[in-house]
Amino acid sequence: MNNSLENAAKSILAHIAGTEEPLTPLYLQPDRALFLAKHLHIVLKVYTAANTLQYDYEIAQKAASIGIPIPEVLGFEAGPPAVLAMRQVVGHPLSSRTPLAAKEAGKYLQHFHELGAHPPFSGGQQHWEAFISWWAHEEMEKVKRVDVLDRQQFSALHDHFDRLQPLLAQRPVVLLHGDLQADHILTDPQTEKVLAFLDFADAQPGDPLLDIAVATLWDHLLADFLLEGYSGIEKNKETQQLLALYRLLRHLAEIPWLLERGFNELAARNVQTLQASLQSAG
C-alpha cells in the first residue's frame, strides 16, 4: 500500500477529532484509498490525483445545496494527496426490493440532473451520438487487448451500436453523476428512505438515461421504480432500447478496468452478461 495515503488520512483525522485511531482500509489501490475510523464513524477518502477529489468535493457540495442527501463533510485537504473526511453513513445499496426508496432516488436524481451541463463530452465531442460512438470504439479496443471476446462477438457489438445510433441524436444533455452504481445510493431498508448519494468524481455531461442504466446494471426492475420518481422520461420502447445499449457499454467498459485491478470474477460476470445480451439482441 502507498503509505502516504494512510499518513494523509491519519493527519486530517487527528486534526478533526483531536485523537488518533487505527484506520481500517475499505478499498486500496496504488493511487487511491478509502479508510474507516471505526470508533469515530468517519470515512476518509484519499486520492493522489488531487484535482479529481477536489472535483468530487465541489460537485457533492452543489448536490447538497439543492437538497440531495450526501454524507456530512467533516474536512477537506487539497493535498496532494487530497483527503476528504466524511461522517460514515450506514445503509444498503439501492434495490428494487425497496421501491419507495427507488422512487425517492429517482426524484433526487432528476434534481441533480437539473444542475445542468453542456458539451464538450469527456472525449471532446460536441454531439452525444459522436461521443457514444467514440466511447464504444475505445472500450472495444481495450477489450480486444484482454482477449475475452471473439471476432464474431465484436462484429455483433459493432452492428448493435450502428443499428441504434439514430436513437442517440437529439438526446437531452444533463449533468450526470457519471458512476451511479447502486452502491453509490445508500438507503434504509426499514424506512425505505434514501440516506446518501456518494462519489461524484465522474460527474459529466450526458444523457440522463446513462445514469439510470448504470444504477440498474444488475437489477433491471429497479429502472421502473426510478423512472416513476423521475418525471419527464417515458417508459417506452425507445427508453428500454437506450437503457439496454448503455448497460451493454457499461459492461464492456468494466471488463478491462476490473481485470487490470485483479477483480477477475467480477470481470467474468460482465463478460458472461455481455455475451448473453448480444445473443438476445441478435
Protein backbone atom coordinates (compact mmCIF):
# COMPACT_ATOMS: atom_id res chain seq x y z
CA MET A 1 0.00 0.00 0.00
CA ASN A 2 1.08 3.61 -0.60
CA ASN A 3 1.87 4.72 2.97
CA SER A 4 1.50 8.38 2.01
CA LEU A 5 -2.24 7.78 1.51
CA GLU A 6 -2.70 6.38 5.01
CA ASN A 7 -0.48 9.06 6.54
CA ALA A 8 -2.53 11.80 4.88
CA ALA A 9 -5.74 10.23 6.20
CA LYS A 10 -4.31 9.99 9.72
CA SER A 11 -3.21 13.63 9.60
CA ILE A 12 -6.65 15.04 8.77
CA LEU A 13 -8.31 12.66 11.23
CA ALA A 14 -6.08 13.93 14.05
CA HIS A 15 -6.94 17.49 13.07
CA ILE A 16 -10.70 16.81 13.02
CA ALA A 17 -11.04 14.53 16.03
CA GLY A 18 -8.06 15.61 18.12
CA THR A 19 -7.15 11.98 18.60
CA GLU A 20 -5.58 9.06 16.80
CA GLU A 21 -7.31 5.83 15.83
CA PRO A 22 -6.18 2.86 13.74
CA LEU A 23 -7.68 3.01 10.26
CA THR A 24 -9.46 0.11 8.60
CA PRO A 25 -8.85 0.04 4.82
CA LEU A 26 -12.11 -0.39 2.89
CA TYR A 27 -10.57 -0.03 -0.58
CA LEU A 28 -6.94 0.13 -1.64
CA GLN A 29 -5.33 0.96 -4.97
CA PRO A 30 -1.89 2.46 -5.64
CA ASP A 31 -3.39 5.87 -6.40
CA ARG A 32 -6.39 5.98 -4.06
CA ALA A 33 -7.77 4.54 -0.85
CA LEU A 34 -10.81 4.56 1.40
CA PHE A 35 -10.34 4.22 5.15
CA LEU A 36 -12.73 3.91 8.08
CA ALA A 37 -12.08 5.24 11.55
CA LYS A 38 -14.43 2.69 13.07
CA HIS A 39 -14.99 4.12 16.54
CA LEU A 40 -15.29 7.70 15.32
CA HIS A 41 -17.59 6.70 12.41
CA ILE A 42 -15.51 8.72 9.98
CA VAL A 43 -14.71 7.70 6.39
CA LEU A 44 -11.57 9.12 4.78
CA LYS A 45 -11.20 9.17 1.01
CA VAL A 46 -7.63 9.74 -0.26
CA TYR A 47 -6.52 10.36 -3.87
CA THR A 48 -3.07 11.07 -5.26
CA ALA A 49 -4.93 12.82 -8.13
CA ALA A 50 -5.85 15.81 -6.00
CA ASN A 51 -7.85 17.55 -8.74
CA THR A 52 -10.17 14.54 -9.05
CA LEU A 53 -11.06 14.54 -5.36
CA GLN A 54 -11.37 18.33 -5.38
CA TYR A 55 -13.93 17.98 -8.19
CA ASP A 56 -15.76 15.23 -6.27
CA TYR A 57 -15.98 17.53 -3.24
CA GLU A 58 -17.21 20.51 -5.28
CA ILE A 59 -19.94 18.56 -7.09
CA ALA A 60 -21.06 16.98 -3.81
CA GLN A 61 -21.45 20.45 -2.32
CA LYS A 62 -23.57 21.54 -5.29
CA ALA A 63 -25.75 18.45 -4.83
CA ALA A 64 -26.19 19.17 -1.13
CA SER A 65 -27.12 22.78 -1.88
CA ILE A 66 -30.25 21.62 -3.75
CA GLY A 67 -31.31 19.15 -1.07
CA ILE A 68 -29.73 15.91 -2.26
CA PRO A 69 -28.56 13.87 0.74
CA ILE A 70 -24.81 13.30 0.94
CA PRO A 71 -22.56 12.25 3.83
CA GLU A 72 -21.73 15.11 6.20
CA VAL A 73 -18.37 16.55 5.14
CA LEU A 74 -16.04 16.96 8.12
CA GLY A 75 -12.98 18.24 6.33
CA PHE A 76 -11.15 18.51 3.03
CA GLU A 77 -7.43 18.85 2.37
CA ALA A 78 -6.43 19.65 -1.19
CA GLY A 79 -3.11 17.80 -0.90
CA PRO A 80 -1.60 16.09 -2.78
CA PRO A 81 -2.63 13.58 -1.76
CA ALA A 82 -6.09 15.05 -1.30
CA VAL A 83 -8.23 13.83 1.60
CA LEU A 84 -12.00 14.07 2.03
CA ALA A 85 -13.28 13.23 5.52
CA MET A 86 -16.97 12.38 5.88
CA ARG A 87 -19.34 11.11 8.54
CA GLN A 88 -19.97 7.40 7.95
CA VAL A 89 -23.40 6.58 6.52
CA VAL A 90 -24.57 3.05 7.26
CA GLY A 91 -27.10 1.87 4.69
CA HIS A 92 -27.91 -0.63 1.96
CA PRO A 93 -27.35 -0.17 -1.78
CA LEU A 94 -30.39 0.90 -3.77
CA SER A 95 -32.51 -2.07 -4.86
CA SER A 96 -35.82 -2.91 -6.48
CA ARG A 97 -36.65 -4.61 -3.17
CA THR A 98 -37.23 -1.12 -1.73
CA PRO A 99 -39.45 0.52 -4.37
CA LEU A 100 -40.31 3.59 -2.28
CA ALA A 101 -36.62 4.36 -1.81
CA ALA A 102 -36.08 3.83 -5.53
CA LYS A 103 -38.84 6.31 -6.41
CA GLU A 104 -37.32 8.83 -3.99
CA ALA A 105 -33.91 8.25 -5.55
CA GLY A 106 -35.45 8.96 -8.96
CA LYS A 107 -36.70 12.33 -7.70
CA TYR A 108 -33.30 13.21 -6.25
CA LEU A 109 -31.56 12.13 -9.43
CA GLN A 110 -33.79 14.36 -11.52
CA HIS A 111 -32.94 17.33 -9.26
CA PHE A 112 -29.24 16.57 -9.63
CA HIS A 113 -29.57 16.38 -13.41
CA GLU A 114 -31.24 19.79 -13.36
CA LEU A 115 -27.95 21.35 -12.23
CA GLY A 116 -27.23 21.28 -15.96
CA ALA A 117 -24.19 20.69 -18.14
CA HIS A 118 -23.15 21.21 -21.74
CA PRO A 119 -20.74 19.64 -24.26
CA PRO A 120 -17.95 19.01 -24.91
CA PHE A 121 -18.21 15.46 -23.63
CA SER A 122 -15.28 13.70 -22.00
CA GLY A 123 -13.79 12.66 -25.35
CA GLY A 124 -14.02 16.22 -26.69
CA GLN A 125 -17.09 15.64 -28.87
CA GLN A 126 -19.88 18.18 -29.26
CA HIS A 127 -22.62 15.67 -30.13
CA TRP A 128 -23.83 12.81 -27.94
CA GLU A 129 -24.03 10.24 -30.74
CA ALA A 130 -20.43 11.01 -31.73
CA PHE A 131 -19.32 10.64 -28.11
CA ILE A 132 -21.04 7.26 -27.70
CA SER A 133 -19.55 6.00 -30.96
CA TRP A 134 -16.08 7.11 -29.84
CA TRP A 135 -16.52 5.67 -26.34
CA ALA A 136 -17.76 2.31 -27.65
CA HIS A 137 -14.78 2.11 -30.04
CA GLU A 138 -12.34 2.96 -27.22
CA GLU A 139 -13.77 0.29 -24.93
CA MET A 140 -13.84 -2.34 -27.67
CA GLU A 141 -10.15 -1.72 -28.37
CA LYS A 142 -9.36 -2.19 -24.67
CA VAL A 143 -11.38 -5.40 -24.50
CA LYS A 144 -9.60 -6.75 -27.61
CA ARG A 145 -6.31 -6.47 -25.73
CA VAL A 146 -7.56 -8.70 -22.88
CA ASP A 147 -8.85 -11.34 -25.33
CA VAL A 148 -12.19 -12.28 -23.75
CA LEU A 149 -14.47 -11.89 -26.80
CA ASP A 150 -14.16 -13.47 -30.22
CA ARG A 151 -14.34 -11.81 -33.64
CA GLN A 152 -17.99 -12.68 -34.13
CA GLN A 153 -18.93 -11.06 -30.83
CA PHE A 154 -17.06 -7.88 -31.71
CA SER A 155 -18.86 -7.82 -35.05
CA ALA A 156 -22.19 -8.18 -33.23
CA LEU A 157 -21.25 -5.28 -30.93
CA HIS A 158 -20.41 -3.03 -33.88
CA ASP A 159 -23.68 -3.95 -35.61
CA HIS A 160 -25.70 -3.31 -32.45
CA PHE A 161 -24.23 0.15 -31.84
CA ASP A 162 -24.61 1.07 -35.53
CA ARG A 163 -28.26 -0.05 -35.55
CA LEU A 164 -29.18 2.07 -32.54
CA GLN A 165 -27.08 5.11 -33.49
CA PRO A 166 -30.13 7.10 -34.73
CA LEU A 167 -31.69 6.94 -31.24
CA LEU A 168 -28.73 8.84 -29.80
CA ALA A 169 -29.26 12.01 -31.80
CA GLN A 170 -31.09 14.82 -30.05
CA ARG A 171 -30.87 13.18 -26.62
CA PRO A 172 -31.19 15.62 -23.69
CA VAL A 173 -27.91 16.53 -22.03
CA VAL A 174 -27.76 16.96 -18.26
CA LEU A 175 -25.16 16.79 -15.50
CA LEU A 176 -24.66 13.07 -14.93
CA HIS A 177 -23.42 11.55 -11.70
CA GLY A 178 -21.25 9.52 -14.07
CA ASP A 179 -20.78 6.39 -11.94
CA LEU A 180 -24.20 5.83 -10.41
CA GLN A 181 -23.85 2.17 -9.50
CA ALA A 182 -26.38 1.01 -6.91
CA ASP A 183 -23.67 1.03 -4.20
CA HIS A 184 -23.46 4.79 -4.60
CA ILE A 185 -27.03 5.32 -3.38
CA LEU A 186 -27.40 4.20 0.24
CA THR A 187 -30.86 3.55 1.68
CA ASP A 188 -32.55 2.49 4.91
CA PRO A 189 -34.46 -0.71 4.05
CA GLN A 190 -36.77 -0.29 7.07
CA THR A 191 -37.96 3.25 6.34
CA GLU A 192 -37.32 2.98 2.56
CA LYS A 193 -35.64 6.39 2.61
CA VAL A 194 -32.57 7.45 0.68
CA LEU A 195 -29.74 8.20 3.13
CA ALA A 196 -26.98 9.42 0.82
CA PHE A 197 -25.64 9.71 -2.71
CA LEU A 198 -21.89 9.01 -2.88
CA ASP A 199 -18.88 9.59 -5.12
CA PHE A 200 -19.37 12.44 -7.59
CA ALA A 201 -15.85 12.41 -9.09
CA ASP A 202 -17.10 11.24 -12.52
CA ALA A 203 -19.85 13.84 -12.92
CA GLN A 204 -20.03 14.95 -16.56
CA PRO A 205 -22.49 15.93 -19.30
CA GLY A 206 -24.65 13.21 -20.83
CA ASP A 207 -27.99 11.55 -21.42
CA PRO A 208 -29.91 11.09 -18.12
CA LEU A 209 -30.68 7.51 -19.11
CA LEU A 210 -26.99 6.65 -18.81
CA ASP A 211 -27.11 7.21 -15.03
CA ILE A 212 -30.27 5.10 -14.79
CA ALA A 213 -28.69 2.33 -16.88
CA VAL A 214 -25.64 2.17 -14.61
CA ALA A 215 -27.76 2.19 -11.44
CA THR A 216 -29.81 -0.72 -12.77
CA LEU A 217 -26.99 -2.68 -14.39
CA TRP A 218 -27.63 -5.80 -12.28
CA ASP A 219 -31.23 -5.06 -11.29
CA HIS A 220 -33.28 -4.14 -14.36
CA LEU A 221 -36.55 -3.97 -12.43
CA LEU A 222 -35.10 -1.06 -10.45
CA ALA A 223 -35.35 1.11 -13.58
CA ASP A 224 -39.16 1.05 -13.42
CA PHE A 225 -39.18 2.45 -9.89
CA LEU A 226 -36.51 5.06 -10.61
CA LEU A 227 -38.48 6.26 -13.62
CA GLU A 228 -41.64 6.52 -11.52
CA GLY A 229 -39.83 9.06 -9.37
CA TYR A 230 -38.13 10.75 -12.32
CA SER A 231 -40.80 12.67 -14.20
CA GLY A 232 -40.49 13.50 -17.86
CA ILE A 233 -38.98 10.25 -19.17
CA GLU A 234 -41.49 7.93 -20.81
CA LYS A 235 -41.17 4.20 -20.18
CA ASN A 236 -41.48 3.38 -23.86
CA LYS A 237 -39.62 1.14 -26.32
CA GLU A 238 -37.02 3.79 -27.10
CA THR A 239 -36.22 4.23 -23.41
CA GLN A 240 -35.79 0.48 -22.99
CA GLN A 241 -33.57 0.24 -26.07
CA LEU A 242 -31.34 3.05 -24.82
CA LEU A 243 -31.10 1.59 -21.31
CA ALA A 244 -30.07 -1.75 -22.83
CA LEU A 245 -27.50 -0.05 -25.07
CA TYR A 246 -25.95 1.90 -22.20
CA ARG A 247 -25.86 -1.19 -19.98
CA LEU A 248 -24.04 -3.04 -22.75
CA LEU A 249 -21.49 -0.24 -22.96
CA ARG A 250 -21.05 -0.23 -19.18
CA HIS A 251 -20.45 -3.99 -19.12
CA LEU A 252 -17.92 -3.53 -21.91
CA ALA A 253 -16.12 -0.75 -20.03
CA GLU A 254 -15.97 -2.68 -16.77
CA ILE A 255 -14.19 -5.73 -18.20
CA PRO A 256 -10.67 -4.27 -18.74
CA TRP A 257 -10.99 -1.95 -15.71
CA LEU A 258 -11.72 -4.90 -13.41
CA LEU A 259 -9.08 -7.18 -14.95
CA GLU A 260 -6.39 -4.51 -14.59
CA ARG A 261 -7.16 -4.35 -10.85
CA GLY A 262 -7.34 -8.08 -10.27
CA PHE A 263 -11.13 -8.41 -9.94
CA ASN A 264 -11.25 -11.41 -12.26
CA GLU A 265 -14.54 -12.91 -11.05
CA LEU A 266 -16.41 -9.65 -11.46
CA ALA A 267 -14.88 -9.21 -14.91
CA ALA A 268 -16.01 -12.70 -15.89
CA ARG A 269 -19.54 -11.90 -14.74
CA ASN A 270 -19.56 -8.85 -17.02
CA VAL A 271 -18.26 -10.93 -19.93
CA GLN A 272 -20.99 -13.53 -19.47
CA THR A 273 -23.72 -10.88 -19.17
CA LEU A 274 -22.45 -9.03 -22.24
CA GLN A 275 -22.41 -12.23 -24.28
CA ALA A 276 -25.95 -13.08 -23.17
CA SER A 277 -27.10 -9.56 -24.05
CA LEU A 278 -25.64 -9.85 -27.54
CA GLN A 279 -27.39 -13.17 -28.10
CA SER A 280 -30.76 -11.75 -27.07
CA ALA A 281 -30.20 -8.60 -29.12
CA GLY A 282 -29.32 -10.67 -32.17
